[in-house]
C-alpha atoms as a PDB file:
ATOM      1  CA  MET A   1       9.388   5.198   7.364  1.00  0.00           C
ATOM      2  CA  ARG A   2       9.374   5.112  11.155  1.00  0.00           C
ATOM      3  CA  TYR A   3       6.748   5.322  13.872  1.00  0.00           C
ATOM      4  CA  ALA A   4       7.165   6.643  17.393  1.00  0.00           C
ATOM      5  CA  HIS A   5       5.541   5.769  20.715  1.00  0.00           C
ATOM      6  CA  ILE A   6       4.350   2.267  19.764  1.00  0.00           C
ATOM      7  CA  ARG A   7       2.129   0.249  22.139  1.00  0.00           C
ATOM      8  CA  LYS A   8       1.060  -3.397  21.933  1.00  0.00           C
ATOM      9  CA  ALA A   9      -2.613  -4.261  22.502  1.00  0.00           C
ATOM     10  CA  VAL A  10      -5.301  -6.903  21.871  1.00  0.00           C
ATOM     11  CA  PHE A  11      -8.078  -6.317  19.336  1.00  0.00           C
ATOM     12  CA  ILE A  12     -11.677  -6.564  20.603  1.00  0.00           C
ATOM     13  CA  ASP A  13     -13.992  -5.306  17.848  1.00  0.00           C
ATOM     14  CA  ARG A  14     -14.523  -2.677  15.170  1.00  0.00           C
ATOM     15  CA  PRO A  15     -17.844  -0.803  15.419  1.00  0.00           C
ATOM     16  CA  ASN A  16     -17.257   1.026  12.135  1.00  0.00           C
ATOM     17  CA  ARG A  17     -14.577   1.703   9.512  1.00  0.00           C
ATOM     18  CA  PHE A  18     -12.877   4.418  11.516  1.00  0.00           C
ATOM     19  CA  ILE A  19     -12.575   3.124  15.071  1.00  0.00           C
ATOM     20  CA  ALA A  20     -11.840  -0.061  16.971  1.00  0.00           C
ATOM     21  CA  HIS A  21     -11.884  -1.192  20.562  1.00  0.00           C
ATOM     22  CA  VAL A  22      -8.712  -2.738  21.944  1.00  0.00           C
ATOM     23  CA  LEU A  23      -7.514  -3.990  25.292  1.00  0.00           C
ATOM     24  CA  LEU A  24      -4.538  -1.933  26.407  1.00  0.00           C
ATOM     25  CA  ASP A  25      -2.933  -2.419  29.816  1.00  0.00           C
ATOM     26  CA  GLY A  26      -6.061  -4.201  31.014  1.00  0.00           C
ATOM     27  CA  LYS A  27      -8.421  -1.411  29.959  1.00  0.00           C
ATOM     28  CA  THR A  28     -10.679  -1.009  26.908  1.00  0.00           C
ATOM     29  CA  GLU A  29      -9.478   1.809  24.649  1.00  0.00           C
ATOM     30  CA  THR A  30     -11.145   3.316  21.569  1.00  0.00           C
ATOM     31  CA  VAL A  31      -8.575   3.820  18.798  1.00  0.00           C
ATOM     32  CA  HIS A  32      -8.534   5.239  15.281  1.00  0.00           C
ATOM     33  CA  VAL A  33      -8.077   2.664  12.498  1.00  0.00           C
ATOM     34  CA  LYS A  34      -5.724   4.005   9.816  1.00  0.00           C
ATOM     35  CA  ASN A  35      -7.273   1.831   7.129  1.00  0.00           C
ATOM     36  CA  THR A  36     -10.912   2.134   6.036  1.00  0.00           C
ATOM     37  CA  GLY A  37     -10.757  -1.146   4.094  1.00  0.00           C
ATOM     38  CA  ARG A  38     -12.497  -4.265   5.342  1.00  0.00           C
ATOM     39  CA  CYS A  39      -9.394  -6.052   6.718  1.00  0.00           C
ATOM     40  CA  LYS A  40     -11.843  -8.677   7.973  1.00  0.00           C
ATOM     41  CA  GLU A  41      -9.243 -11.460   7.780  1.00  0.00           C
ATOM     42  CA  LEU A  42      -6.892  -9.416   9.979  1.00  0.00           C
ATOM     43  CA  LEU A  43      -8.967  -7.655  12.615  1.00  0.00           C
ATOM     44  CA  LEU A  44     -10.249 -10.673  14.495  1.00  0.00           C
ATOM     45  CA  PRO A  45     -10.988 -10.894  18.219  1.00  0.00           C
ATOM     46  CA  ASN A  46      -7.840 -11.470  20.296  1.00  0.00           C
ATOM     47  CA  ALA A  47      -5.469 -10.512  17.465  1.00  0.00           C
ATOM     48  CA  THR A  48      -2.327  -8.722  18.616  1.00  0.00           C
ATOM     49  CA  VAL A  49      -2.314  -5.164  17.270  1.00  0.00           C
ATOM     50  CA  TYR A  50       0.127  -2.273  17.397  1.00  0.00           C
ATOM     51  CA  LEU A  51      -0.826   1.303  18.164  1.00  0.00           C
ATOM     52  CA  GLU A  52       0.959   4.585  17.631  1.00  0.00           C
ATOM     53  CA  GLU A  53       0.322   7.047  20.433  1.00  0.00           C
ATOM     54  CA  SER A  54      -0.541  10.526  19.204  1.00  0.00           C
ATOM     55  CA  GLN A  55       1.091  13.549  20.757  1.00  0.00           C
ATOM     56  CA  ASN A  56      -1.884  15.734  19.810  1.00  0.00           C
ATOM     57  CA  SER A  57      -3.892  16.333  22.990  1.00  0.00           C
ATOM     58  CA  ALA A  58      -6.822  17.763  20.986  1.00  0.00           C
ATOM     59  CA  ARG A  59      -7.601  14.450  19.299  1.00  0.00           C
ATOM     60  CA  LYS A  60     -10.678  12.436  20.240  1.00  0.00           C
ATOM     61  CA  THR A  61      -8.671   9.200  20.135  1.00  0.00           C
ATOM     62  CA  LYS A  62      -5.226   8.893  21.657  1.00  0.00           C
ATOM     63  CA  TYR A  63      -4.001   6.034  19.467  1.00  0.00           C
ATOM     64  CA  ASP A  64      -3.842   4.955  15.816  1.00  0.00           C
ATOM     65  CA  LEU A  65      -4.016   1.257  14.974  1.00  0.00           C
ATOM     66  CA  ILE A  66      -1.202   0.715  12.456  1.00  0.00           C
ATOM     67  CA  GLY A  67      -0.276  -2.979  12.552  1.00  0.00           C
ATOM     68  CA  VAL A  68      -1.614  -6.459  13.274  1.00  0.00           C
ATOM     69  CA  GLU A  69      -0.282  -9.970  13.680  1.00  0.00           C
ATOM     70  CA  LYS A  70      -2.312 -12.304  11.487  1.00  0.00           C
ATOM     71  CA  ILE A  71      -3.924 -14.861  13.790  1.00  0.00           C
ATOM     72  CA  ALA A  72      -3.639 -17.721  11.301  1.00  0.00           C
ATOM     73  CA  GLU A  73       0.101 -17.076  10.933  1.00  0.00           C
ATOM     74  CA  LYS A  74       1.549 -15.679  14.139  1.00  0.00           C
ATOM     75  CA  SER A  75       4.869 -14.768  12.564  1.00  0.00           C
ATOM     76  CA  LEU A  76       3.247 -12.585   9.904  1.00  0.00           C
ATOM     77  CA  LEU A  77       3.149  -8.945  10.972  1.00  0.00           C
ATOM     78  CA  ILE A  78       1.152  -6.772   8.585  1.00  0.00           C
ATOM     79  CA  ASN A  79       1.277  -2.995   8.482  1.00  0.00           C
ATOM     80  CA  MET A  80      -2.258  -1.729   7.790  1.00  0.00           C
ATOM     81  CA  ASP A  81      -1.652   2.021   7.807  1.00  0.00           C
ATOM     82  CA  SER A  82      -3.182   3.204   4.517  1.00  0.00           C
ATOM     83  CA  GLN A  83      -1.048   6.371   4.588  1.00  0.00           C
ATOM     84  CA  ALA A  84       2.210   4.419   4.799  1.00  0.00           C
ATOM     85  CA  PRO A  85       2.507   3.026   1.227  1.00  0.00           C
ATOM     86  CA  ASN A  86       2.960   6.443  -0.391  1.00  0.00           C
ATOM     87  CA  LYS A  87       5.710   7.347   2.091  1.00  0.00           C
ATOM     88  CA  VAL A  88       7.459   4.040   1.482  1.00  0.00           C
ATOM     89  CA  ALA A  89       6.972   4.430  -2.269  1.00  0.00           C
ATOM     90  CA  GLU A  90       8.645   7.840  -2.265  1.00  0.00           C
ATOM     91  CA  GLU A  91      11.657   6.416  -0.437  1.00  0.00           C
ATOM     92  CA  TRP A  92      11.801   3.490  -2.878  1.00  0.00           C
ATOM     93  CA  ILE A  93      11.528   5.687  -5.986  1.00  0.00           C
ATOM     94  CA  ARG A  94      14.299   8.001  -4.822  1.00  0.00           C
ATOM     95  CA  GLN A  95      16.642   5.094  -4.136  1.00  0.00           C
ATOM     96  CA  ASN A  96      15.797   2.843  -7.091  1.00  0.00           C
ATOM     97  CA  LYS A  97      18.312   3.073  -9.905  1.00  0.00           C
ATOM     98  CA  ARG A  98      16.835   0.259 -11.969  1.00  0.00           C
ATOM     99  CA  TYR A  99      13.673   2.148 -12.904  1.00  0.00           C
ATOM    100  CA  PHE A 100      14.926   5.687 -12.207  1.00  0.00           C
ATOM    101  CA  PRO A 101      18.635   5.822 -13.150  1.00  0.00           C
ATOM    102  CA  ASP A 102      18.938   9.600 -12.876  1.00  0.00           C
ATOM    103  CA  LEU A 103      15.908  11.036 -11.083  1.00  0.00           C
ATOM    104  CA  SER A 104      15.603  14.800 -11.510  1.00  0.00           C
ATOM    105  CA  LEU A 105      12.030  15.491 -10.375  1.00  0.00           C
ATOM    106  CA  LEU A 106       9.474  13.789  -8.156  1.00  0.00           C
ATOM    107  CA  LYS A 107       6.103  15.392  -7.397  1.00  0.00           C
ATOM    108  CA  ALA A 108       3.450  13.912  -5.119  1.00  0.00           C
ATOM    109  CA  GLU A 109      -0.307  14.269  -5.692  1.00  0.00           C
ATOM    110  CA  TYR A 110       0.150  15.185  -9.350  1.00  0.00           C
ATOM    111  CA  THR A 111      -2.960  16.554 -11.082  1.00  0.00           C
ATOM    112  CA  LEU A 112      -3.460  15.858 -14.763  1.00  0.00           C
ATOM    113  CA  GLY A 113      -6.767  16.950 -16.281  1.00  0.00           C
ATOM    114  CA  ASP A 114      -9.494  15.736 -13.942  1.00  0.00           C
ATOM    115  CA  SER A 115      -7.289  13.003 -12.521  1.00  0.00           C
ATOM    116  CA  ARG A 116      -4.771  12.972  -9.698  1.00  0.00           C
ATOM    117  CA  PHE A 117      -1.922  10.487  -9.489  1.00  0.00           C
ATOM    118  CA  ASP A 118       0.239   9.653  -6.509  1.00  0.00           C
ATOM    119  CA  PHE A 119       3.505  10.693  -8.180  1.00  0.00           C
ATOM    120  CA  TYR A 120       4.941  12.267 -11.301  1.00  0.00           C
ATOM    121  CA  ALA A 121       8.619  11.611 -12.006  1.00  0.00           C
ATOM    122  CA  GLU A 122      11.184  12.827 -14.505  1.00  0.00           C
ATOM    123  CA  TYR A 123      14.448  10.979 -15.010  1.00  0.00           C
ATOM    124  CA  LYS A 124      17.162  10.322 -17.549  1.00  0.00           C
ATOM    125  CA  ASP A 125      18.178   6.862 -18.692  1.00  0.00           C
ATOM    126  CA  LYS A 126      21.769   5.707 -19.118  1.00  0.00           C
ATOM    127  CA  GLU A 127      21.844   7.178 -22.620  1.00  0.00           C
ATOM    128  CA  GLY A 128      20.786  10.580 -21.283  1.00  0.00           C
ATOM    129  CA  ARG A 129      17.261  10.502 -22.705  1.00  0.00           C
ATOM    130  CA  LYS A 130      14.570  12.220 -20.633  1.00  0.00           C
ATOM    131  CA  HIS A 131      11.522  10.258 -19.451  1.00  0.00           C
ATOM    132  CA  LYS A 132       8.247  11.319 -17.843  1.00  0.00           C
ATOM    133  CA  MET A 133       6.362   8.864 -15.679  1.00  0.00           C
ATOM    134  CA  LEU A 134       3.036   8.753 -13.837  1.00  0.00           C
ATOM    135  CA  ILE A 135       3.019   6.469 -10.799  1.00  0.00           C
ATOM    136  CA  GLU A 136       0.012   5.158  -8.912  1.00  0.00           C
ATOM    137  CA  VAL A 137       0.624   3.429  -5.562  1.00  0.00           C
ATOM    138  CA  LYS A 138      -1.530   0.703  -4.041  1.00  0.00           C
ATOM    139  CA  GLY A 139      -1.034  -0.689  -0.542  1.00  0.00           C
ATOM    140  CA  VAL A 140      -1.436  -4.459  -0.267  1.00  0.00           C
ATOM    141  CA  THR A 141      -2.527  -5.953   3.071  1.00  0.00           C
ATOM    142  CA  LEU A 142      -4.286  -9.126   1.896  1.00  0.00           C
ATOM    143  CA  GLU A 143      -2.389 -12.427   1.997  1.00  0.00           C
ATOM    144  CA  MET A 144      -3.637 -15.930   1.294  1.00  0.00           C
ATOM    145  CA  ASN A 145      -1.420 -19.025   1.338  1.00  0.00           C
ATOM    146  CA  GLY A 146       1.717 -16.960   0.943  1.00  0.00           C
ATOM    147  CA  VAL A 147       0.370 -14.916  -1.976  1.00  0.00           C
ATOM    148  CA  ALA A 148      -0.178 -11.134  -1.860  1.00  0.00           C
ATOM    149  CA  LEU A 149      -3.489  -9.990  -3.350  1.00  0.00           C
ATOM    150  CA  PHE A 150      -5.191  -6.712  -4.220  1.00  0.00           C
ATOM    151  CA  PRO A 151      -7.881  -5.518  -3.806  1.00  0.00           C
ATOM    152  CA  ASP A 152      -9.546  -6.906  -0.670  1.00  0.00           C
ATOM    153  CA  ALA A 153     -12.846  -5.336  -1.798  1.00  0.00           C
ATOM    154  CA  PRO A 154     -14.156  -4.077  -5.176  1.00  0.00           C
ATOM    155  CA  THR A 155     -12.380  -0.824  -6.048  1.00  0.00           C
ATOM    156  CA  LEU A 156     -13.904   1.438  -8.667  1.00  0.00           C
ATOM    157  CA  ARG A 157     -11.282   4.057  -7.883  1.00  0.00           C
ATOM    158  CA  GLY A 158      -8.480   1.568  -8.446  1.00  0.00           C
ATOM    159  CA  LEU A 159     -10.065   0.395 -11.682  1.00  0.00           C
ATOM    160  CA  LYS A 160     -10.318   3.991 -12.907  1.00  0.00           C
ATOM    161  CA  HIS A 161      -6.629   4.591 -12.180  1.00  0.00           C
ATOM    162  CA  VAL A 162      -5.545   1.474 -14.067  1.00  0.00           C
ATOM    163  CA  LYS A 163      -7.599   2.401 -17.121  1.00  0.00           C
ATOM    164  CA  GLU A 164      -6.306   5.995 -17.096  1.00  0.00           C
ATOM    165  CA  LEU A 165      -2.679   4.878 -16.912  1.00  0.00           C
ATOM    166  CA  THR A 166      -3.303   2.439 -19.763  1.00  0.00           C
ATOM    167  CA  SER A 167      -4.713   5.257 -21.863  1.00  0.00           C
ATOM    168  CA  PHE A 168      -1.773   7.585 -21.139  1.00  0.00           C
ATOM    169  CA  THR A 169       0.698   4.822 -21.991  1.00  0.00           C
ATOM    170  CA  LYS A 170      -1.014   4.068 -25.297  1.00  0.00           C
ATOM    171  CA  SER A 171      -0.975   7.763 -26.208  1.00  0.00           C
ATOM    172  CA  GLY A 172       2.794   7.885 -25.787  1.00  0.00           C
ATOM    173  CA  GLN A 173       2.568  10.986 -23.592  1.00  0.00           C
ATOM    174  CA  TYR A 174       3.868   9.308 -20.460  1.00  0.00           C
ATOM    175  CA  GLU A 175       5.397   6.156 -19.163  1.00  0.00           C
ATOM    176  CA  CYS A 176       3.242   4.724 -16.385  1.00  0.00           C
ATOM    177  CA  MET A 177       3.760   2.511 -13.366  1.00  0.00           C
ATOM    178  CA  ILE A 178       1.472   0.834 -10.868  1.00  0.00           C
ATOM    179  CA  LEU A 179       3.543   0.343  -7.725  1.00  0.00           C
ATOM    180  CA  LEU A 180       2.163  -2.224  -5.298  1.00  0.00           C
ATOM    181  CA  ILE A 181       3.586  -1.792  -1.808  1.00  0.00           C
ATOM    182  CA  VAL A 182       3.098  -5.138  -0.064  1.00  0.00           C
ATOM    183  CA  GLN A 183       2.849  -4.230   3.613  1.00  0.00           C
ATOM    184  CA  MET A 184       4.361  -7.503   4.823  1.00  0.00           C
ATOM    185  CA  SER A 185       7.251  -9.811   3.953  1.00  0.00           C
ATOM    186  CA  GLY A 186       7.551 -13.437   2.870  1.00  0.00           C
ATOM    187  CA  CYS A 187       4.988 -13.539   0.044  1.00  0.00           C
ATOM    188  CA  LYS A 188       5.867 -15.770  -2.902  1.00  0.00           C
ATOM    189  CA  TYR A 189       4.339 -13.456  -5.495  1.00  0.00           C
ATOM    190  CA  PHE A 190       1.575 -10.900  -6.138  1.00  0.00           C
ATOM    191  CA  THR A 191      -1.565 -11.514  -8.152  1.00  0.00           C
ATOM    192  CA  PRO A 192      -4.742  -9.444  -8.590  1.00  0.00           C
ATOM    193  CA  ASN A 193      -7.687 -10.673  -6.539  1.00  0.00           C
ATOM    194  CA  ARG A 194      -9.856 -11.854  -9.418  1.00  0.00           C
ATOM    195  CA  GLN A 195     -12.410 -13.483  -7.143  1.00  0.00           C
ATOM    196  CA  THR A 196     -13.134 -10.141  -5.462  1.00  0.00           C
ATOM    197  CA  HIS A 197     -12.896  -7.830  -8.505  1.00  0.00           C
ATOM    198  CA  ALA A 198     -12.544  -9.515 -11.902  1.00  0.00           C
ATOM    199  CA  ASP A 199     -12.734  -6.222 -13.817  1.00  0.00           C
ATOM    200  CA  PHE A 200      -9.701  -4.914 -11.930  1.00  0.00           C
ATOM    201  CA  ALA A 201      -7.749  -8.096 -12.707  1.00  0.00           C
ATOM    202  CA  ASP A 202      -8.659  -7.833 -16.391  1.00  0.00           C
ATOM    203  CA  ALA A 203      -7.740  -4.145 -16.509  1.00  0.00           C
ATOM    204  CA  LEU A 204      -4.359  -4.833 -14.912  1.00  0.00           C
ATOM    205  CA  LYS A 205      -3.578  -7.450 -17.548  1.00  0.00           C
ATOM    206  CA  THR A 206      -4.620  -5.043 -20.326  1.00  0.00           C
ATOM    207  CA  ALA A 207      -2.416  -2.357 -18.761  1.00  0.00           C
ATOM    208  CA  VAL A 208       0.654  -4.583 -18.823  1.00  0.00           C
ATOM    209  CA  GLU A 209      -0.034  -5.522 -22.446  1.00  0.00           C
ATOM    210  CA  ALA A 210      -0.167  -1.799 -23.256  1.00  0.00           C
ATOM    211  CA  GLY A 211       3.226  -1.203 -21.620  1.00  0.00           C
ATOM    212  CA  VAL A 212       2.309  -0.094 -18.099  1.00  0.00           C
ATOM    213  CA  LYS A 213       4.910  -1.296 -15.608  1.00  0.00           C
ATOM    214  CA  VAL A 214       3.359  -3.215 -12.703  1.00  0.00           C
ATOM    215  CA  VAL A 215       5.845  -3.608  -9.869  1.00  0.00           C
ATOM    216  CA  ALA A 216       5.257  -5.296  -6.502  1.00  0.00           C
ATOM    217  CA  VAL A 217       7.638  -4.577  -3.623  1.00  0.00           C
ATOM    218  CA  GLU A 218       7.476  -6.368  -0.286  1.00  0.00           C
ATOM    219  CA  CYS A 219       8.403  -4.594   2.913  1.00  0.00           C
ATOM    220  CA  GLN A 220      10.354  -5.306   6.036  1.00  0.00           C
ATOM    221  CA  VAL A 221       7.813  -4.750   8.796  1.00  0.00           C
ATOM    222  CA  THR A 222       8.357  -4.156  12.490  1.00  0.00           C
ATOM    223  CA  PRO A 223       6.034  -2.420  14.961  1.00  0.00           C
ATOM    224  CA  GLU A 224       8.245   0.674  14.622  1.00  0.00           C
ATOM    225  CA  ASN A 225       8.943   0.875  10.895  1.00  0.00           C
ATOM    226  CA  LEU A 226       8.044  -0.061   7.332  1.00  0.00           C
ATOM    227  CA  VAL A 227      10.836  -0.264   4.761  1.00  0.00           C
ATOM    228  CA  ALA A 228      10.711  -1.293   1.088  1.00  0.00           C
ATOM    229  CA  LYS A 229      12.702  -4.480   0.684  1.00  0.00           C
ATOM    230  CA  ASP A 230      12.633  -6.708  -2.413  1.00  0.00           C
ATOM    231  CA  GLU A 231      10.651  -6.763  -5.630  1.00  0.00           C
ATOM    232  CA  ILE A 232       8.473  -9.873  -5.893  1.00  0.00           C
ATOM    233  CA  GLN A 233       7.024 -11.547  -8.977  1.00  0.00           C
ATOM    234  CA  VAL A 234       3.757 -10.289 -10.458  1.00  0.00           C
ATOM    235  CA  ARG A 235       1.494 -12.976 -11.893  1.00  0.00           C
ATOM    236  CA  LEU A 236      -1.500 -11.920 -13.951  1.00  0.00           C
END
């Protein structure tokens, strides 16, 4: 996926989850933060951030904060746009022949009972057999010592999704996948953030044991784009 009208700025502070103050061209600007997560290890004073300029004149804020250079590791550019992973995931699913040899249907925001999943896919394998798959996407922006981690805060919603996919897999109704879009490159592997949410880590392990596919894909990140790159190891 690509962005347009990118500007480079310096982070000042974040009064609440939705807005931040940045220094742009020598002036303080209020911008919209496209990630309501904590991101406390990323949004630090004097961090270099990247903004996308909106072309909508009716907006209260002119810019969206979509990327940040991690202060501790200057070369690590992290995309923190929470809307980006699903767009990248769709591109990846449509192009991936390993998991989807002959994709015939892909629906976003798929409702099943009282649950809604990011994608529903139908495909045929190399033997011509039809498969149905539910796919839940999680964006990963937390990195520690070269390891990608999720979540960066307790996530009851994420836990619910993992348990639901486990249940559907056990029932034999659907194949299920948890697709972790790592919004950076260079991580050695992915692991659930047990220290932050042990129940999520346990549920992910149970899901894999039940047959849920857990796939982590790192991205090539520039200020202007975010592209799925290589699958990295998942360690539970």
